[in-house]
């Protein structure tokens, strides 16, 4: 690593302090990653990680309820269950499921895609390996992987039609809820949930993250939601105000200066209690600038 500027060295000290305090299993309870740690089989962990990340929008209580409801019919071994369940059999499950913009039809199709990928490739990681060309970041591979996943056989299940009436009176189609559960970086989306999933499965097994996939953590992109964005602005990692793809890349690049081999290292520590501690530290002038 080249010598850091005074600002980046101070930033590294702040982030490492937060990491030491909060990157510990005792803080998992309020994170959707806690669901994955209920399972021992790597095949189950991989599948549950994708489900938990996909539904990680809303508050902690509603996220927990949604993930529990999705996992319940798949227990005790979600990966095996989805691998052995044909799409037509999923049509009997999740009746009445509603979580924000997700409906039962969306959940069934989303799970059918996962099951088809497991049957075709053996694992979600194997499907990833088919499309990963080793680019500087994981974003191009993520776009191709989502494309492969959402093209998996799902007959007789179909996408739910969603529309919106514009001010002009015209009707426009919206992505189905199933597609929104597997976001792609092809647009402006910061892909917070997919980047979080990739952090979980690609970073080393350290009691928090899982170390399931053979993908370099140096290629990961920071998962950015409103909380992380606020912390990033406070730390001077970005001046942008929207959690879109450009902002995620800007924050990642700033963190790469501090930790080039693992730019998402501080993600877990920054959220929830870490944000409160960060405010205290910065109030005490822990971060000084050139």
C-alpha atoms as a PDB file:
ATOM      1  CA  UNK A   1       0.000   0.000   0.000  1.00  0.00           C
ATOM      2  CA  UNK A   2       1.350   3.433  -0.879  1.00  0.00           C
ATOM      3  CA  UNK A   3       1.689   6.017   1.868  1.00  0.00           C
ATOM      4  CA  UNK A   4      -1.643   7.462   2.922  1.00  0.00           C
ATOM      5  CA  UNK A   5      -2.393  11.152   3.134  1.00  0.00           C
ATOM      6  CA  UNK A   6      -2.976  12.574   6.613  1.00  0.00           C
ATOM      7  CA  UNK A   7      -6.724  12.601   5.904  1.00  0.00           C
ATOM      8  CA  UNK A   8      -6.805   8.974   4.720  1.00  0.00           C
ATOM      9  CA  UNK A   9      -4.663   7.833   7.649  1.00  0.00           C
ATOM     10  CA  UNK A  10      -7.074   9.547  10.057  1.00  0.00           C
ATOM     11  CA  UNK A  11     -10.000   7.989   8.166  1.00  0.00           C
ATOM     12  CA  UNK A  12      -8.410   4.555   8.451  1.00  0.00           C
ATOM     13  CA  UNK A  13      -8.009   4.986  12.227  1.00  0.00           C
ATOM     14  CA  UNK A  14     -11.678   5.933  12.620  1.00  0.00           C
ATOM     15  CA  UNK A  15     -12.852   3.026  10.490  1.00  0.00           C
ATOM     16  CA  UNK A  16     -10.581   0.519  12.231  1.00  0.00           C
ATOM     17  CA  UNK A  17     -11.879   1.682  15.607  1.00  0.00           C
ATOM     18  CA  UNK A  18     -15.447   1.125  14.441  1.00  0.00           C
ATOM     19  CA  UNK A  19     -14.467  -2.256  12.986  1.00  0.00           C
ATOM     20  CA  UNK A  20     -12.913  -3.395  16.272  1.00  0.00           C
ATOM     21  CA  UNK A  21     -16.000  -2.299  18.212  1.00  0.00           C
ATOM     22  CA  UNK A  22     -18.802  -3.514  15.984  1.00  0.00           C
ATOM     23  CA  UNK A  23     -17.615  -6.155  13.496  1.00  0.00           C
ATOM     24  CA  UNK A  24     -18.567  -8.884  15.962  1.00  0.00           C
ATOM     25  CA  UNK A  25     -21.282 -11.589  16.053  1.00  0.00           C
ATOM     26  CA  UNK A  26     -22.909  -9.908  19.044  1.00  0.00           C
ATOM     27  CA  UNK A  27     -24.271  -7.250  16.680  1.00  0.00           C
ATOM     28  CA  UNK A  28     -25.807  -9.694  14.180  1.00  0.00           C
ATOM     29  CA  UNK A  29     -29.271  -9.783  15.766  1.00  0.00           C
ATOM     30  CA  UNK A  30     -30.515  -6.669  13.973  1.00  0.00           C
ATOM     31  CA  UNK A  31     -28.947  -7.594  10.611  1.00  0.00           C
ATOM     32  CA  UNK A  32     -30.574  -9.866   7.983  1.00  0.00           C
ATOM     33  CA  UNK A  33     -27.282 -11.764   7.825  1.00  0.00           C
ATOM     34  CA  UNK A  34     -28.336 -13.331  11.141  1.00  0.00           C
ATOM     35  CA  UNK A  35     -30.708 -15.626   9.204  1.00  0.00           C
ATOM     36  CA  UNK A  36     -27.783 -17.158   7.320  1.00  0.00           C
ATOM     37  CA  UNK A  37     -25.951 -18.045  10.526  1.00  0.00           C
ATOM     38  CA  UNK A  38     -28.819 -20.332  11.521  1.00  0.00           C
ATOM     39  CA  UNK A  39     -27.633 -22.804   8.863  1.00  0.00           C
ATOM     40  CA  UNK A  40     -24.481 -24.930   8.762  1.00  0.00           C
ATOM     41  CA  UNK A  41     -24.572 -26.333   5.217  1.00  0.00           C
ATOM     42  CA  UNK A  42     -22.778 -23.994   2.758  1.00  0.00           C
ATOM     43  CA  UNK A  43     -25.449 -24.766   0.141  1.00  0.00           C
ATOM     44  CA  UNK A  44     -28.166 -23.530   2.497  1.00  0.00           C
ATOM     45  CA  UNK A  45     -26.105 -20.527   3.558  1.00  0.00           C
ATOM     46  CA  UNK A  46     -25.676 -19.412  -0.045  1.00  0.00           C
ATOM     47  CA  UNK A  47     -29.393 -19.632  -0.813  1.00  0.00           C
ATOM     48  CA  UNK A  48     -30.523 -18.086   2.481  1.00  0.00           C
ATOM     49  CA  UNK A  49     -28.007 -15.262   1.997  1.00  0.00           C
ATOM     50  CA  UNK A  50     -29.586 -14.374  -1.346  1.00  0.00           C
ATOM     51  CA  UNK A  51     -33.117 -14.513   0.084  1.00  0.00           C
ATOM     52  CA  UNK A  52     -32.241 -12.469   3.179  1.00  0.00           C
ATOM     53  CA  UNK A  53     -30.423  -9.839   1.115  1.00  0.00           C
ATOM     54  CA  UNK A  54     -33.165  -9.645  -1.520  1.00  0.00           C
ATOM     55  CA  UNK A  55     -35.788  -8.838   1.108  1.00  0.00           C
ATOM     56  CA  UNK A  56     -33.602  -6.410   3.087  1.00  0.00           C
ATOM     57  CA  UNK A  57     -35.685  -3.303   2.516  1.00  0.00           C
ATOM     58  CA  UNK A  58     -37.876  -1.690   5.150  1.00  0.00           C
ATOM     59  CA  UNK A  59     -37.238  -1.679   8.884  1.00  0.00           C
ATOM     60  CA  UNK A  60     -35.640  -4.448  10.915  1.00  0.00           C
ATOM     61  CA  UNK A  61     -38.942  -5.846  12.221  1.00  0.00           C
ATOM     62  CA  UNK A  62     -40.679  -6.042   8.837  1.00  0.00           C
ATOM     63  CA  UNK A  63     -37.584  -7.459   7.122  1.00  0.00           C
ATOM     64  CA  UNK A  64     -37.401 -10.215   9.721  1.00  0.00           C
ATOM     65  CA  UNK A  65     -41.076 -11.086   9.238  1.00  0.00           C
ATOM     66  CA  UNK A  66     -40.750 -11.179   5.455  1.00  0.00           C
ATOM     67  CA  UNK A  67     -37.640 -13.372   5.441  1.00  0.00           C
ATOM     68  CA  UNK A  68     -39.152 -15.735   8.018  1.00  0.00           C
ATOM     69  CA  UNK A  69     -42.286 -16.066   5.878  1.00  0.00           C
ATOM     70  CA  UNK A  70     -40.269 -16.859   2.749  1.00  0.00           C
ATOM     71  CA  UNK A  71     -38.016 -19.384   4.493  1.00  0.00           C
ATOM     72  CA  UNK A  72     -40.685 -21.221   6.479  1.00  0.00           C
ATOM     73  CA  UNK A  73     -41.951 -23.499   3.651  1.00  0.00           C
ATOM     74  CA  UNK A  74     -38.358 -24.296   2.618  1.00  0.00           C
ATOM     75  CA  UNK A  75     -37.114 -25.627   5.953  1.00  0.00           C
ATOM     76  CA  UNK A  76     -35.107 -27.442   7.163  1.00  0.00           C
ATOM     77  CA  UNK A  77     -32.835 -27.318   4.073  1.00  0.00           C
ATOM     78  CA  UNK A  78     -33.766 -24.459   1.722  1.00  0.00           C
ATOM     79  CA  UNK A  79     -31.235 -25.311  -0.996  1.00  0.00           C
ATOM     80  CA  UNK A  80     -32.336 -28.936  -1.233  1.00  0.00           C
ATOM     81  CA  UNK A  81     -35.983 -27.937  -1.118  1.00  0.00           C
ATOM     82  CA  UNK A  82     -35.653 -25.475  -4.002  1.00  0.00           C
ATOM     83  CA  UNK A  83     -33.484 -27.849  -6.014  1.00  0.00           C
ATOM     84  CA  UNK A  84     -36.120 -30.578  -5.736  1.00  0.00           C
ATOM     85  CA  UNK A  85     -39.231 -28.405  -6.114  1.00  0.00           C
ATOM     86  CA  UNK A  86     -40.483 -27.804  -9.645  1.00  0.00           C
ATOM     87  CA  UNK A  87     -41.964 -24.364 -10.419  1.00  0.00           C
ATOM     88  CA  UNK A  88     -45.508 -25.756 -10.691  1.00  0.00           C
ATOM     89  CA  UNK A  89     -45.245 -27.027  -7.095  1.00  0.00           C
ATOM     90  CA  UNK A  90     -44.387 -23.516  -5.871  1.00  0.00           C
ATOM     91  CA  UNK A  91     -47.768 -22.313  -7.138  1.00  0.00           C
ATOM     92  CA  UNK A  92     -49.369 -23.785  -4.001  1.00  0.00           C
ATOM     93  CA  UNK A  93     -47.152 -21.804  -1.633  1.00  0.00           C
ATOM     94  CA  UNK A  94     -47.142 -18.248  -0.271  1.00  0.00           C
ATOM     95  CA  UNK A  95     -50.838 -17.558  -0.706  1.00  0.00           C
ATOM     96  CA  UNK A  96     -51.641 -14.124   0.659  1.00  0.00           C
ATOM     97  CA  UNK A  97     -47.991 -13.074   0.906  1.00  0.00           C
ATOM     98  CA  UNK A  98     -47.597  -9.291   0.765  1.00  0.00           C
ATOM     99  CA  UNK A  99     -44.473  -7.311   1.568  1.00  0.00           C
ATOM    100  CA  UNK A 100     -44.460  -3.789   0.226  1.00  0.00           C
ATOM    101  CA  UNK A 101     -44.269  -4.191  -3.579  1.00  0.00           C
ATOM    102  CA  UNK A 102     -43.772  -7.986  -3.417  1.00  0.00           C
ATOM    103  CA  UNK A 103     -46.686 -10.400  -3.815  1.00  0.00           C
ATOM    104  CA  UNK A 104     -47.028 -14.181  -3.714  1.00  0.00           C
ATOM    105  CA  UNK A 105     -46.672 -14.434  -7.488  1.00  0.00           C
ATOM    106  CA  UNK A 106     -43.365 -12.575  -7.303  1.00  0.00           C
ATOM    107  CA  UNK A 107     -41.983 -14.802  -4.533  1.00  0.00           C
ATOM    108  CA  UNK A 108     -42.892 -17.978  -6.412  1.00  0.00           C
ATOM    109  CA  UNK A 109     -41.184 -16.848  -9.609  1.00  0.00           C
ATOM    110  CA  UNK A 110     -38.112 -15.586  -7.757  1.00  0.00           C
ATOM    111  CA  UNK A 111     -37.738 -18.922  -5.932  1.00  0.00           C
ATOM    112  CA  UNK A 112     -38.368 -20.825  -9.177  1.00  0.00           C
ATOM    113  CA  UNK A 113     -35.427 -18.974 -10.738  1.00  0.00           C
ATOM    114  CA  UNK A 114     -33.211 -19.947  -7.810  1.00  0.00           C
ATOM    115  CA  UNK A 115     -34.333 -23.578  -7.951  1.00  0.00           C
ATOM    116  CA  UNK A 116     -33.767 -23.768 -11.705  1.00  0.00           C
ATOM    117  CA  UNK A 117     -30.277 -22.289 -11.285  1.00  0.00           C
ATOM    118  CA  UNK A 118     -29.434 -24.895  -8.638  1.00  0.00           C
ATOM    119  CA  UNK A 119     -30.590 -27.705 -10.911  1.00  0.00           C
ATOM    120  CA  UNK A 120     -28.756 -26.323 -13.937  1.00  0.00           C
ATOM    121  CA  UNK A 121     -25.470 -25.302 -12.301  1.00  0.00           C
ATOM    122  CA  UNK A 122     -25.343 -27.057  -8.934  1.00  0.00           C
ATOM    123  CA  UNK A 123     -24.992 -23.836  -6.940  1.00  0.00           C
ATOM    124  CA  UNK A 124     -25.415 -20.092  -7.253  1.00  0.00           C
ATOM    125  CA  UNK A 125     -21.632 -19.758  -7.104  1.00  0.00           C
ATOM    126  CA  UNK A 126     -21.233 -22.115 -10.066  1.00  0.00           C
ATOM    127  CA  UNK A 127     -23.719 -20.001 -12.010  1.00  0.00           C
ATOM    128  CA  UNK A 128     -21.639 -16.933 -11.128  1.00  0.00           C
ATOM    129  CA  UNK A 129     -18.422 -18.600 -12.281  1.00  0.00           C
ATOM    130  CA  UNK A 130     -19.983 -19.125 -15.703  1.00  0.00           C
ATOM    131  CA  UNK A 131     -20.290 -15.363 -16.237  1.00  0.00           C
ATOM    132  CA  UNK A 132     -17.456 -13.830 -14.178  1.00  0.00           C
ATOM    133  CA  UNK A 133     -14.640 -12.547 -16.410  1.00  0.00           C
ATOM    134  CA  UNK A 134     -12.586 -11.030 -13.624  1.00  0.00           C
ATOM    135  CA  UNK A 135     -13.247  -7.349 -14.283  1.00  0.00           C
ATOM    136  CA  UNK A 136     -11.988  -4.735 -11.818  1.00  0.00           C
ATOM    137  CA  UNK A 137     -15.315  -4.697  -9.959  1.00  0.00           C
ATOM    138  CA  UNK A 138     -17.992  -7.337  -9.665  1.00  0.00           C
ATOM    139  CA  UNK A 139     -20.616  -5.127 -11.357  1.00  0.00           C
ATOM    140  CA  UNK A 140     -20.317  -6.467 -14.938  1.00  0.00           C
ATOM    141  CA  UNK A 141     -20.473 -10.042 -13.645  1.00  0.00           C
ATOM    142  CA  UNK A 142     -23.422  -9.128 -11.429  1.00  0.00           C
ATOM    143  CA  UNK A 143     -25.333  -7.836 -14.448  1.00  0.00           C
ATOM    144  CA  UNK A 144     -24.651 -11.023 -16.400  1.00  0.00           C
ATOM    145  CA  UNK A 145     -25.467 -13.227 -13.386  1.00  0.00           C
ATOM    146  CA  UNK A 146     -28.814 -11.521 -12.804  1.00  0.00           C
ATOM    147  CA  UNK A 147     -29.513 -11.952 -16.511  1.00  0.00           C
ATOM    148  CA  UNK A 148     -28.791 -15.679 -16.287  1.00  0.00           C
ATOM    149  CA  UNK A 149     -30.848 -16.072 -13.109  1.00  0.00           C
ATOM    150  CA  UNK A 150     -33.932 -14.281 -14.440  1.00  0.00           C
ATOM    151  CA  UNK A 151     -33.815 -16.255 -17.697  1.00  0.00           C
ATOM    152  CA  UNK A 152     -34.005 -19.612 -15.907  1.00  0.00           C
ATOM    153  CA  UNK A 153     -36.943 -21.914 -16.769  1.00  0.00           C
ATOM    154  CA  UNK A 154     -39.987 -21.126 -14.616  1.00  0.00           C
ATOM    155  CA  UNK A 155     -42.967 -22.487 -16.562  1.00  0.00           C
ATOM    156  CA  UNK A 156     -45.878 -22.423 -15.763  1.00  0.00           C
ATOM    157  CA  UNK A 157     -45.132 -19.429 -13.501  1.00  0.00           C
ATOM    158  CA  UNK A 158     -45.324 -16.001 -15.099  1.00  0.00           C
ATOM    159  CA  UNK A 159     -44.241 -12.494 -14.159  1.00  0.00           C
ATOM    160  CA  UNK A 160     -46.830 -10.330 -12.476  1.00  0.00           C
ATOM    161  CA  UNK A 161     -47.766  -7.315 -14.534  1.00  0.00           C
ATOM    162  CA  UNK A 162     -47.232  -3.952 -12.816  1.00  0.00           C
ATOM    163  CA  UNK A 163     -48.148  -0.611 -14.323  1.00  0.00           C
ATOM    164  CA  UNK A 164     -48.218   3.058 -13.396  1.00  0.00           C
ATOM    165  CA  UNK A 165     -50.403   5.857 -14.770  1.00  0.00           C
ATOM    166  CA  UNK A 166     -48.258   8.871 -15.674  1.00  0.00           C
ATOM    167  CA  UNK A 167     -49.358  12.485 -15.262  1.00  0.00           C
ATOM    168  CA  UNK A 168     -49.956  12.554 -19.001  1.00  0.00           C
ATOM    169  CA  UNK A 169     -52.523   9.794 -18.567  1.00  0.00           C
ATOM    170  CA  UNK A 170     -50.436   7.162 -20.317  1.00  0.00           C
ATOM    171  CA  UNK A 171     -49.851   3.760 -18.764  1.00  0.00           C
ATOM    172  CA  UNK A 172     -46.286   2.457 -18.387  1.00  0.00           C
ATOM    173  CA  UNK A 173     -45.059  -0.979 -17.425  1.00  0.00           C
ATOM    174  CA  UNK A 174     -42.958  -1.448 -14.300  1.00  0.00           C
ATOM    175  CA  UNK A 175     -40.538  -4.289 -13.509  1.00  0.00           C
ATOM    176  CA  UNK A 176     -42.201  -7.220 -11.802  1.00  0.00           C
ATOM    177  CA  UNK A 177     -41.640  -7.679  -8.095  1.00  0.00           C
ATOM    178  CA  UNK A 178     -39.589 -10.788  -8.875  1.00  0.00           C
ATOM    179  CA  UNK A 179     -37.151  -8.792 -11.013  1.00  0.00           C
ATOM    180  CA  UNK A 180     -36.854  -6.110  -8.362  1.00  0.00           C
ATOM    181  CA  UNK A 181     -35.727  -8.783  -5.904  1.00  0.00           C
ATOM    182  CA  UNK A 182     -32.703  -9.405  -8.163  1.00  0.00           C
ATOM    183  CA  UNK A 183     -31.520  -5.924  -9.071  1.00  0.00           C
ATOM    184  CA  UNK A 184     -29.037  -5.406 -11.891  1.00  0.00           C
ATOM    185  CA  UNK A 185     -26.460  -2.597 -12.183  1.00  0.00           C
ATOM    186  CA  UNK A 186     -27.387  -2.005 -15.809  1.00  0.00           C
ATOM    187  CA  UNK A 187     -29.361   1.108 -14.824  1.00  0.00           C
ATOM    188  CA  UNK A 188     -28.569   3.719 -12.185  1.00  0.00           C
ATOM    189  CA  UNK A 189     -29.455   1.466  -9.252  1.00  0.00           C
ATOM    190  CA  UNK A 190     -26.805   1.203  -6.559  1.00  0.00           C
ATOM    191  CA  UNK A 191     -27.813  -2.470  -6.182  1.00  0.00           C
ATOM    192  CA  UNK A 192     -27.467  -2.176  -2.423  1.00  0.00           C
ATOM    193  CA  UNK A 193     -29.054  -5.557  -1.690  1.00  0.00           C
ATOM    194  CA  UNK A 194     -27.088  -7.498  -4.316  1.00  0.00           C
ATOM    195  CA  UNK A 195     -23.821  -5.822  -3.282  1.00  0.00           C
ATOM    196  CA  UNK A 196     -24.615  -6.734   0.315  1.00  0.00           C
ATOM    197  CA  UNK A 197     -25.233 -10.356  -0.697  1.00  0.00           C
ATOM    198  CA  UNK A 198     -21.910 -10.421  -2.538  1.00  0.00           C
ATOM    199  CA  UNK A 199     -20.131  -8.953   0.488  1.00  0.00           C
ATOM    200  CA  UNK A 200     -21.587 -11.710   2.633  1.00  0.00           C
ATOM    201  CA  UNK A 201     -20.544 -14.586   0.366  1.00  0.00           C
ATOM    202  CA  UNK A 202     -17.213 -13.223  -0.932  1.00  0.00           C
ATOM    203  CA  UNK A 203     -15.538 -11.742   2.140  1.00  0.00           C
ATOM    204  CA  UNK A 204     -13.639 -14.261   4.317  1.00  0.00           C
ATOM    205  CA  UNK A 205     -15.431 -16.237   7.009  1.00  0.00           C
ATOM    206  CA  UNK A 206     -14.798 -14.042  10.046  1.00  0.00           C
ATOM    207  CA  UNK A 207     -17.850 -14.797  12.183  1.00  0.00           C
ATOM    208  CA  UNK A 208     -19.837 -12.159  10.288  1.00  0.00           C
ATOM    209  CA  UNK A 209     -19.275 -12.701   6.580  1.00  0.00           C
ATOM    210  CA  UNK A 210     -19.273 -16.177   5.118  1.00  0.00           C
ATOM    211  CA  UNK A 211     -16.358 -16.837   2.747  1.00  0.00           C
ATOM    212  CA  UNK A 212     -18.482 -19.025   0.469  1.00  0.00           C
ATOM    213  CA  UNK A 213     -17.445 -17.785  -2.972  1.00  0.00           C
ATOM    214  CA  UNK A 214     -14.025 -17.680  -4.587  1.00  0.00           C
ATOM    215  CA  UNK A 215     -14.247 -14.005  -5.583  1.00  0.00           C
ATOM    216  CA  UNK A 216     -11.668 -11.435  -4.480  1.00  0.00           C
ATOM    217  CA  UNK A 217     -13.037  -8.979  -1.894  1.00  0.00           C
ATOM    218  CA  UNK A 218     -10.986  -6.283  -3.663  1.00  0.00           C
ATOM    219  CA  UNK A 219     -13.595  -6.322  -6.447  1.00  0.00           C
ATOM    220  CA  UNK A 220     -16.608  -5.734  -4.207  1.00  0.00           C
ATOM    221  CA  UNK A 221     -18.690  -2.562  -4.323  1.00  0.00           C
ATOM    222  CA  UNK A 222     -19.956  -0.893  -1.166  1.00  0.00           C
ATOM    223  CA  UNK A 223     -23.653  -1.544  -0.407  1.00  0.00           C
ATOM    224  CA  UNK A 224     -25.102   1.933   0.049  1.00  0.00           C
ATOM    225  CA  UNK A 225     -28.430   2.738   1.704  1.00  0.00           C
ATOM    226  CA  UNK A 226     -29.511   5.975   3.354  1.00  0.00           C
ATOM    227  CA  UNK A 227     -27.655   5.129   6.586  1.00  0.00           C
ATOM    228  CA  UNK A 228     -24.372   4.291   4.881  1.00  0.00           C
ATOM    229  CA  UNK A 229     -24.740   7.338   2.638  1.00  0.00           C
ATOM    230  CA  UNK A 230     -25.123   9.598   5.656  1.00  0.00           C
ATOM    231  CA  UNK A 231     -22.038   8.085   7.292  1.00  0.00           C
ATOM    232  CA  UNK A 232     -20.085   8.357   4.034  1.00  0.00           C
ATOM    233  CA  UNK A 233     -20.970  12.031   3.664  1.00  0.00           C
ATOM    234  CA  UNK A 234     -19.951  12.659   7.261  1.00  0.00           C
ATOM    235  CA  UNK A 235     -16.595  10.987   6.603  1.00  0.00           C
ATOM    236  CA  UNK A 236     -16.059  12.913   3.381  1.00  0.00           C
ATOM    237  CA  UNK A 237     -16.202   9.805   1.194  1.00  0.00           C
ATOM    238  CA  UNK A 238     -18.732  11.480  -1.102  1.00  0.00           C
ATOM    239  CA  UNK A 239     -20.677  14.695  -1.445  1.00  0.00           C
ATOM    240  CA  UNK A 240     -23.465  13.070  -3.397  1.00  0.00           C
ATOM    241  CA  UNK A 241     -26.964  12.900  -1.922  1.00  0.00           C
ATOM    242  CA  UNK A 242     -28.509   9.904  -3.696  1.00  0.00           C
ATOM    243  CA  UNK A 243     -27.653   6.249  -3.056  1.00  0.00           C
ATOM    244  CA  UNK A 244     -27.283   5.398  -6.742  1.00  0.00           C
ATOM    245  CA  UNK A 245     -24.610   3.437  -8.602  1.00  0.00           C
ATOM    246  CA  UNK A 246     -22.332   6.432  -9.137  1.00  0.00           C
ATOM    247  CA  UNK A 247     -22.395   7.171  -5.400  1.00  0.00           C
ATOM    248  CA  UNK A 248     -21.660   3.530  -4.522  1.00  0.00           C
ATOM    249  CA  UNK A 249     -18.644   3.539  -6.817  1.00  0.00           C
ATOM    250  CA  UNK A 250     -17.395   6.871  -5.442  1.00  0.00           C
ATOM    251  CA  UNK A 251     -17.619   5.617  -1.855  1.00  0.00           C
ATOM    252  CA  UNK A 252     -15.957   2.324  -2.809  1.00  0.00           C
ATOM    253  CA  UNK A 253     -13.076   4.125  -4.487  1.00  0.00           C
ATOM    254  CA  UNK A 254     -12.545   6.293  -1.391  1.00  0.00           C
ATOM    255  CA  UNK A 255     -12.512   3.179   0.814  1.00  0.00           C
ATOM    256  CA  UNK A 256     -10.177   1.416  -1.605  1.00  0.00           C
ATOM    257  CA  UNK A 257      -7.544   4.067  -0.872  1.00  0.00           C
ATOM    258  CA  UNK A 258      -7.692   3.020   2.781  1.00  0.00           C
ATOM    259  CA  UNK A 259      -8.122  -0.728   2.262  1.00  0.00           C
ATOM    260  CA  UNK A 260      -7.395  -1.662  -1.370  1.00  0.00           C
ATOM    261  CA  UNK A 261      -7.730  -5.418  -0.836  1.00  0.00           C
ATOM    262  CA  UNK A 262     -11.085  -5.202   0.961  1.00  0.00           C
ATOM    263  CA  UNK A 263     -13.031  -1.938   0.408  1.00  0.00           C
ATOM    264  CA  UNK A 264     -16.271  -3.274   1.953  1.00  0.00           C
ATOM    265  CA  UNK A 265     -14.472  -4.333   5.141  1.00  0.00           C
ATOM    266  CA  UNK A 266     -16.167  -1.581   7.173  1.00  0.00           C
ATOM    267  CA  UNK A 267     -19.734  -1.989   5.906  1.00  0.00           C
ATOM    268  CA  UNK A 268     -21.115  -4.009   8.821  1.00  0.00           C
ATOM    269  CA  UNK A 269     -19.414  -1.795  11.402  1.00  0.00           C
ATOM    270  CA  UNK A 270     -20.777   1.414   9.870  1.00  0.00           C
ATOM    271  CA  UNK A 271     -24.440   0.527  10.130  1.00  0.00           C
ATOM    272  CA  UNK A 272     -26.695   0.800  13.198  1.00  0.00           C
ATOM    273  CA  UNK A 273     -24.591   1.223  16.377  1.00  0.00           C
ATOM    274  CA  UNK A 274     -21.557   2.129  14.288  1.00  0.00           C
ATOM    275  CA  UNK A 275     -23.285   5.218  12.935  1.00  0.00           C
ATOM    276  CA  UNK A 276     -24.051   6.455  16.451  1.00  0.00           C
ATOM    277  CA  UNK A 277     -20.474   5.842  17.547  1.00  0.00           C
ATOM    278  CA  UNK A 278     -19.202   7.574  14.418  1.00  0.00           C
ATOM    279  CA  UNK A 279     -21.048  10.748  15.366  1.00  0.00           C
ATOM    280  CA  UNK A 280     -19.428  10.691  18.812  1.00  0.00           C
ATOM    281  CA  UNK A 281     -15.970  10.147  17.362  1.00  0.00           C
ATOM    282  CA  UNK A 282     -16.258  12.944  14.818  1.00  0.00           C
ATOM    283  CA  UNK A 283     -17.652  15.312  17.423  1.00  0.00           C
ATOM    284  CA  UNK A 284     -14.471  14.593  19.356  1.00  0.00           C
ATOM    285  CA  UNK A 285     -12.413  15.615  16.271  1.00  0.00           C
ATOM    286  CA  UNK A 286     -11.179  12.082  15.624  1.00  0.00           C
ATOM    287  CA  UNK A 287     -11.002  12.788  11.888  1.00  0.00           C
ATOM    288  CA  UNK A 288      -8.683  15.577  10.856  1.00  0.00           C
ATOM    289  CA  UNK A 289      -8.182  16.854   7.322  1.00  0.00           C
ATOM    290  CA  UNK A 290      -5.155  18.194   5.505  1.00  0.00           C
END
